[in-house]
Every structure is written in structure tokens, then in C-alpha cells.
């Protein structure tokens, strides 16, 4: 254990090239996945949060339930769809960074929808009526509510990035942990641990924990601000 910790510190301090490469790729995948999820999930969350429609409670329940979907199960389904014999095989996303990012986007979209909808509902009911009495249009009303719910929306995006960054199942199933191509922090940790490379595993784990803790501190800061 001590030798592993010593080796981990050495690898981090010396800026090991492999560790830097894997970390950058992990950040890239999480960023792309969160960006795609935000583009889709933010408008849906605003719609669910602001509109009253039949079946709204069922829609919210479904999105809340999808937050807890097992990542390995989702990864398996995506693998079937993205494989060369699958219906989406023509996209050539299997064993690519882009494919992992798409999987992460699908994973965290329900989180963004649910969190954004809850944030808007907590701010929007009274504010909507107030803004409308001042002559605001529907679009201006939506912007006003979104500004008031900014901290909640930010929380949704950061939490989604956090989960995408620390995810393993989809990254392993879709990326296959190919060195120099699709290897990210979580898959590298799993592989190096199995190979007995404790130093490298700990170094990668420390980086993963540091990023996750930083994001959690940012989330706590936003919650206090709200």
C-alpha cells in the first residue's frame, strides 16, 4: 500500500504522459456528453417545469426513474445498437470517444431534465404570474424564470458532468478500454488494478477523486448561494 502511494505521488508530480493523456480524454468525454445532454435536456426540463399538461406527473416520474438506470445495462443496450450488425452500426460510433460521449449523454439527460424541472417549479409559479402582469411575453417570462432558477440549472449541469466523468459501465462497453483511443480514468483504474499496477491505479484514482470532490464543492457552493 505504501509503495503504491509513493508511486502514485511520483507519477502525478512528474506529470506522467499516460496519466495526462487519460485524464484529458476523460474530461473530453464528460464534457461532450454533458454538452449533448444539456442541449437536449435543458429545453425539455424547461418545458416540463413551466407547462401544465396531462400526464405531467407520469413524465416526471419516468425521468426521475431513469436517473438510476444501471450503467452496465445501458451500455449493453448501446453496444447492441451501435455494433456493426445493429441498427445504428452505420454511424461507426462503437469503440470511439464520440460513442462513449453519446452514451454518457443518454445517461445524464434524465438528470438534467429532472433537476431543471424541479428548479423551475420551485421558482416559476409565482414569478410567472408576476412577470406576465408586467406585460412580458411568453419568451421573456421563460427567460426571467430561467434566470431565477440559475443555481438549480447550474447544479443540474455540474451534477451531470460529475456522473459522466466518474462512470464506468458505458465507457467499458462502448469504448472497450483501448489504449490511446478510448481509455479513460475509470476503465484504466479497473484494468491497472486487475494487472496489479497499484501505483498507477492509485494515481488515476487520486485524479478522479480530486475532480469529483472539486465538482461536489462547486455544487455545495451553488446550493448555499441559492
Protein backbone atom coordinates (compact mmCIF):
# COMPACT_ATOMS: atom_id res chain seq x y z
CA UNK A 1 0.00 0.00 0.00
CA UNK A 2 2.79 2.43 0.95
CA UNK A 3 4.75 1.57 -2.20
CA UNK A 4 1.60 2.15 -4.25
CA UNK A 5 1.00 5.54 -2.66
CA UNK A 6 4.63 6.54 -3.21
CA UNK A 7 4.45 5.54 -6.86
CA UNK A 8 1.16 7.39 -7.29
CA UNK A 9 2.63 10.60 -5.91
CA UNK A 10 5.68 10.25 -8.13
CA UNK A 11 3.59 9.74 -11.27
CA UNK A 12 1.41 12.75 -10.51
CA UNK A 13 4.27 15.07 -9.53
CA UNK A 14 6.37 14.18 -12.56
CA UNK A 15 3.40 14.65 -14.89
CA UNK A 16 3.36 11.14 -16.33
CA UNK A 17 2.39 11.37 -20.01
CA UNK A 18 -0.04 8.44 -19.91
CA UNK A 19 -1.87 9.84 -16.89
CA UNK A 20 -2.20 13.26 -18.52
CA UNK A 21 -3.50 11.69 -21.74
CA UNK A 22 -6.09 9.56 -19.95
CA UNK A 23 -7.22 12.49 -17.79
CA UNK A 24 -7.65 14.81 -20.78
CA UNK A 25 -9.62 12.14 -22.63
CA UNK A 26 -11.86 11.60 -19.60
CA UNK A 27 -12.57 15.31 -19.36
CA UNK A 28 -13.25 15.45 -23.09
CA UNK A 29 -15.74 12.58 -22.96
CA UNK A 30 -17.55 14.00 -19.93
CA UNK A 31 -17.68 17.47 -21.48
CA UNK A 32 -19.06 16.27 -24.82
CA UNK A 33 -21.59 14.01 -23.12
CA UNK A 34 -22.77 16.76 -20.77
CA UNK A 35 -22.95 19.27 -23.63
CA UNK A 36 -25.17 16.99 -25.71
CA UNK A 37 -27.31 16.17 -22.70
CA UNK A 38 -27.70 19.88 -21.89
CA UNK A 39 -28.73 20.73 -25.45
CA UNK A 40 -31.49 18.12 -25.26
CA UNK A 41 -32.32 18.09 -21.56
CA UNK A 42 -32.41 21.82 -20.81
CA UNK A 43 -35.33 22.64 -23.17
CA UNK A 44 -37.16 19.52 -22.00
CA UNK A 45 -36.64 20.46 -18.36
CA UNK A 46 -37.90 23.98 -19.01
CA UNK A 47 -40.94 22.61 -20.82
CA UNK A 48 -41.76 20.12 -18.08
CA UNK A 49 -41.16 22.68 -15.34
CA UNK A 50 -43.15 25.53 -16.85
CA UNK A 51 -46.03 23.87 -18.64
CA UNK A 52 -49.08 22.16 -17.21
CA UNK A 53 -50.25 19.22 -19.29
CA UNK A 54 -51.98 15.90 -18.89
CA UNK A 55 -49.60 13.19 -17.74
CA UNK A 56 -47.01 15.62 -16.41
CA UNK A 57 -46.60 13.67 -13.19
CA UNK A 58 -46.03 10.47 -15.15
CA UNK A 59 -43.39 12.17 -17.33
CA UNK A 60 -41.56 13.47 -14.27
CA UNK A 61 -41.72 10.05 -12.62
CA UNK A 62 -40.23 8.42 -15.71
CA UNK A 63 -37.33 10.87 -15.88
CA UNK A 64 -36.69 10.51 -12.15
CA UNK A 65 -36.64 6.73 -12.51
CA UNK A 66 -34.23 6.87 -15.46
CA UNK A 67 -31.68 8.71 -13.29
CA UNK A 68 -30.95 5.44 -11.52
CA UNK A 69 -30.65 3.23 -14.60
CA UNK A 70 -27.76 0.73 -14.27
CA UNK A 71 -24.94 1.96 -16.45
CA UNK A 72 -23.85 -1.54 -17.46
CA UNK A 73 -27.35 -2.34 -18.70
CA UNK A 74 -27.48 0.90 -20.67
CA UNK A 75 -24.01 0.19 -22.02
CA UNK A 76 -25.10 -3.25 -23.18
CA UNK A 77 -28.14 -1.84 -24.99
CA UNK A 78 -26.00 0.80 -26.65
CA UNK A 79 -23.46 -1.82 -27.64
CA UNK A 80 -26.19 -3.85 -29.36
CA UNK A 81 -27.49 -0.80 -31.21
CA UNK A 82 -24.05 0.55 -32.18
CA UNK A 83 -22.43 -2.75 -33.16
CA UNK A 84 -21.81 -3.29 -36.86
CA UNK A 85 -24.78 -5.67 -37.05
CA UNK A 86 -27.00 -3.33 -35.02
CA UNK A 87 -29.50 -0.77 -36.35
CA UNK A 88 -27.09 2.13 -35.71
CA UNK A 89 -23.92 0.38 -36.75
CA UNK A 90 -23.60 2.59 -39.82
CA UNK A 91 -22.69 5.50 -37.52
CA UNK A 92 -19.36 3.83 -36.64
CA UNK A 93 -19.53 5.07 -33.05
CA UNK A 94 -18.51 1.82 -31.39
CA UNK A 95 -15.03 1.94 -29.82
CA UNK A 96 -14.76 5.70 -30.23
CA UNK A 97 -14.63 8.65 -27.85
CA UNK A 98 -17.69 10.07 -29.58
CA UNK A 99 -19.60 6.84 -28.94
CA UNK A 100 -18.78 6.94 -25.24
CA UNK A 101 -19.87 10.60 -25.12
CA UNK A 102 -23.21 9.72 -26.74
CA UNK A 103 -23.72 7.01 -24.14
CA UNK A 104 -22.89 9.41 -21.31
CA UNK A 105 -25.29 11.95 -22.79
CA UNK A 106 -28.11 9.42 -22.77
CA UNK A 107 -27.22 8.50 -19.20
CA UNK A 108 -27.29 12.03 -17.75
CA UNK A 109 -30.09 13.60 -19.82
CA UNK A 110 -32.80 12.41 -17.38
CA UNK A 111 -30.83 14.01 -14.54
CA UNK A 112 -30.73 17.38 -16.30
CA UNK A 113 -34.44 17.22 -17.16
CA UNK A 114 -35.48 16.32 -13.61
CA UNK A 115 -33.21 18.83 -11.86
CA UNK A 116 -34.07 21.68 -14.22
CA UNK A 117 -37.80 21.00 -13.99
CA UNK A 118 -37.64 20.93 -10.18
CA UNK A 119 -35.59 24.14 -10.07
CA UNK A 120 -38.04 25.95 -12.34
CA UNK A 121 -41.09 24.70 -10.47
CA UNK A 122 -39.62 25.94 -7.21
CA UNK A 123 -39.14 29.43 -8.66
CA UNK A 124 -41.57 29.77 -11.50
CA UNK A 125 -45.16 29.57 -10.31
CA UNK A 126 -45.39 32.92 -8.54
CA UNK A 127 -42.78 34.61 -10.71
CA UNK A 128 -44.59 33.63 -13.91
CA UNK A 129 -47.77 35.38 -12.88
CA UNK A 130 -45.85 38.44 -11.68
CA UNK A 131 -43.86 38.80 -14.89
CA UNK A 132 -46.92 38.34 -17.06
CA UNK A 133 -48.79 41.07 -15.20
CA UNK A 134 -45.93 43.38 -16.19
CA UNK A 135 -46.63 42.67 -19.84
CA UNK A 136 -43.85 40.18 -20.57
CA UNK A 137 -44.19 37.79 -23.48
CA UNK A 138 -44.02 34.02 -23.07
CA UNK A 139 -40.37 34.02 -24.16
CA UNK A 140 -39.46 36.85 -21.78
CA UNK A 141 -41.29 35.05 -18.98
CA UNK A 142 -39.28 31.90 -19.65
CA UNK A 143 -36.01 33.84 -19.56
CA UNK A 144 -36.95 35.52 -16.27
CA UNK A 145 -37.80 32.22 -14.64
CA UNK A 146 -34.63 30.62 -16.00
CA UNK A 147 -32.53 33.45 -14.54
CA UNK A 148 -34.12 32.98 -11.13
CA UNK A 149 -33.52 29.22 -11.32
CA UNK A 150 -29.93 29.68 -12.48
CA UNK A 151 -28.33 27.98 -9.48
CA UNK A 152 -30.60 24.96 -9.87
CA UNK A 153 -29.85 24.73 -13.58
CA UNK A 154 -26.12 25.01 -12.89
CA UNK A 155 -26.46 22.29 -10.27
CA UNK A 156 -28.09 20.03 -12.86
CA UNK A 157 -25.31 20.54 -15.40
CA UNK A 158 -22.45 20.13 -12.92
CA UNK A 159 -24.02 17.04 -11.35
CA UNK A 160 -24.43 15.53 -14.80
CA UNK A 161 -20.79 16.20 -15.66
CA UNK A 162 -19.81 14.67 -12.34
CA UNK A 163 -21.66 11.44 -13.08
CA UNK A 164 -20.45 11.24 -16.66
CA UNK A 165 -16.85 11.77 -15.57
CA UNK A 166 -16.95 9.00 -12.94
CA UNK A 167 -18.96 6.47 -15.00
CA UNK A 168 -17.52 3.05 -15.82
CA UNK A 169 -20.10 0.71 -17.37
CA UNK A 170 -20.81 2.62 -20.58
CA UNK A 171 -17.17 3.59 -21.06
CA UNK A 172 -16.16 -0.06 -20.83
CA UNK A 173 -18.94 -1.46 -23.03
CA UNK A 174 -18.76 1.17 -25.78
CA UNK A 175 -15.08 2.12 -25.61
CA UNK A 176 -13.59 -1.29 -24.77
CA UNK A 177 -10.72 0.47 -22.92
CA UNK A 178 -8.44 0.71 -25.97
CA UNK A 179 -5.08 2.25 -25.04
CA UNK A 180 -4.52 5.62 -26.65
CA UNK A 181 -8.00 5.64 -28.17
CA UNK A 182 -10.85 5.16 -25.68
CA UNK A 183 -9.13 4.55 -22.35
CA UNK A 184 -10.47 6.89 -19.66
CA UNK A 185 -9.80 7.18 -15.94
CA UNK A 186 -12.42 4.71 -14.74
CA UNK A 187 -11.58 1.98 -17.26
CA UNK A 188 -7.85 2.50 -16.72
CA UNK A 189 -8.28 2.12 -12.96
CA UNK A 190 -10.19 -1.13 -13.43
CA UNK A 191 -7.56 -2.52 -15.82
CA UNK A 192 -4.49 -1.47 -13.86
CA UNK A 193 -5.94 -2.83 -10.62
CA UNK A 194 -6.58 -6.19 -12.26
CA UNK A 195 -2.99 -6.20 -13.54
CA UNK A 196 -1.59 -5.41 -10.10
CA UNK A 197 -0.32 -1.94 -11.08
CA UNK A 198 -1.32 -0.39 -7.77
CA UNK A 199 0.76 2.79 -8.16
CA UNK A 200 -0.77 3.76 -11.47
CA UNK A 201 -4.23 2.76 -10.24
CA UNK A 202 -3.90 4.97 -7.17
CA UNK A 203 -2.58 7.88 -9.23
CA UNK A 204 -5.56 7.67 -11.57
CA UNK A 205 -7.91 7.26 -8.60
CA UNK A 206 -6.49 10.35 -6.90
CA UNK A 207 -7.09 12.41 -10.03
CA UNK A 208 -10.62 11.05 -10.35
CA UNK A 209 -11.37 11.81 -6.70
CA UNK A 210 -9.90 15.31 -6.91
CA UNK A 211 -12.07 16.22 -9.90
CA UNK A 212 -15.21 14.71 -8.35
CA UNK A 213 -14.60 16.43 -4.99
CA UNK A 214 -13.99 19.75 -6.74
CA UNK A 215 -17.29 19.41 -8.56
CA UNK A 216 -19.07 18.45 -5.34
CA UNK A 217 -17.65 21.53 -3.61
CA UNK A 218 -18.89 23.64 -6.51
CA UNK A 219 -22.33 22.07 -6.20
CA UNK A 220 -22.37 22.83 -2.45
CA UNK A 221 -21.36 26.42 -3.18
CA UNK A 222 -24.22 26.81 -5.66
CA UNK A 223 -26.68 25.33 -3.18
CA UNK A 224 -25.57 27.76 -0.47
CA UNK A 225 -25.83 30.60 -2.95
CA UNK A 226 -29.35 29.56 -3.80
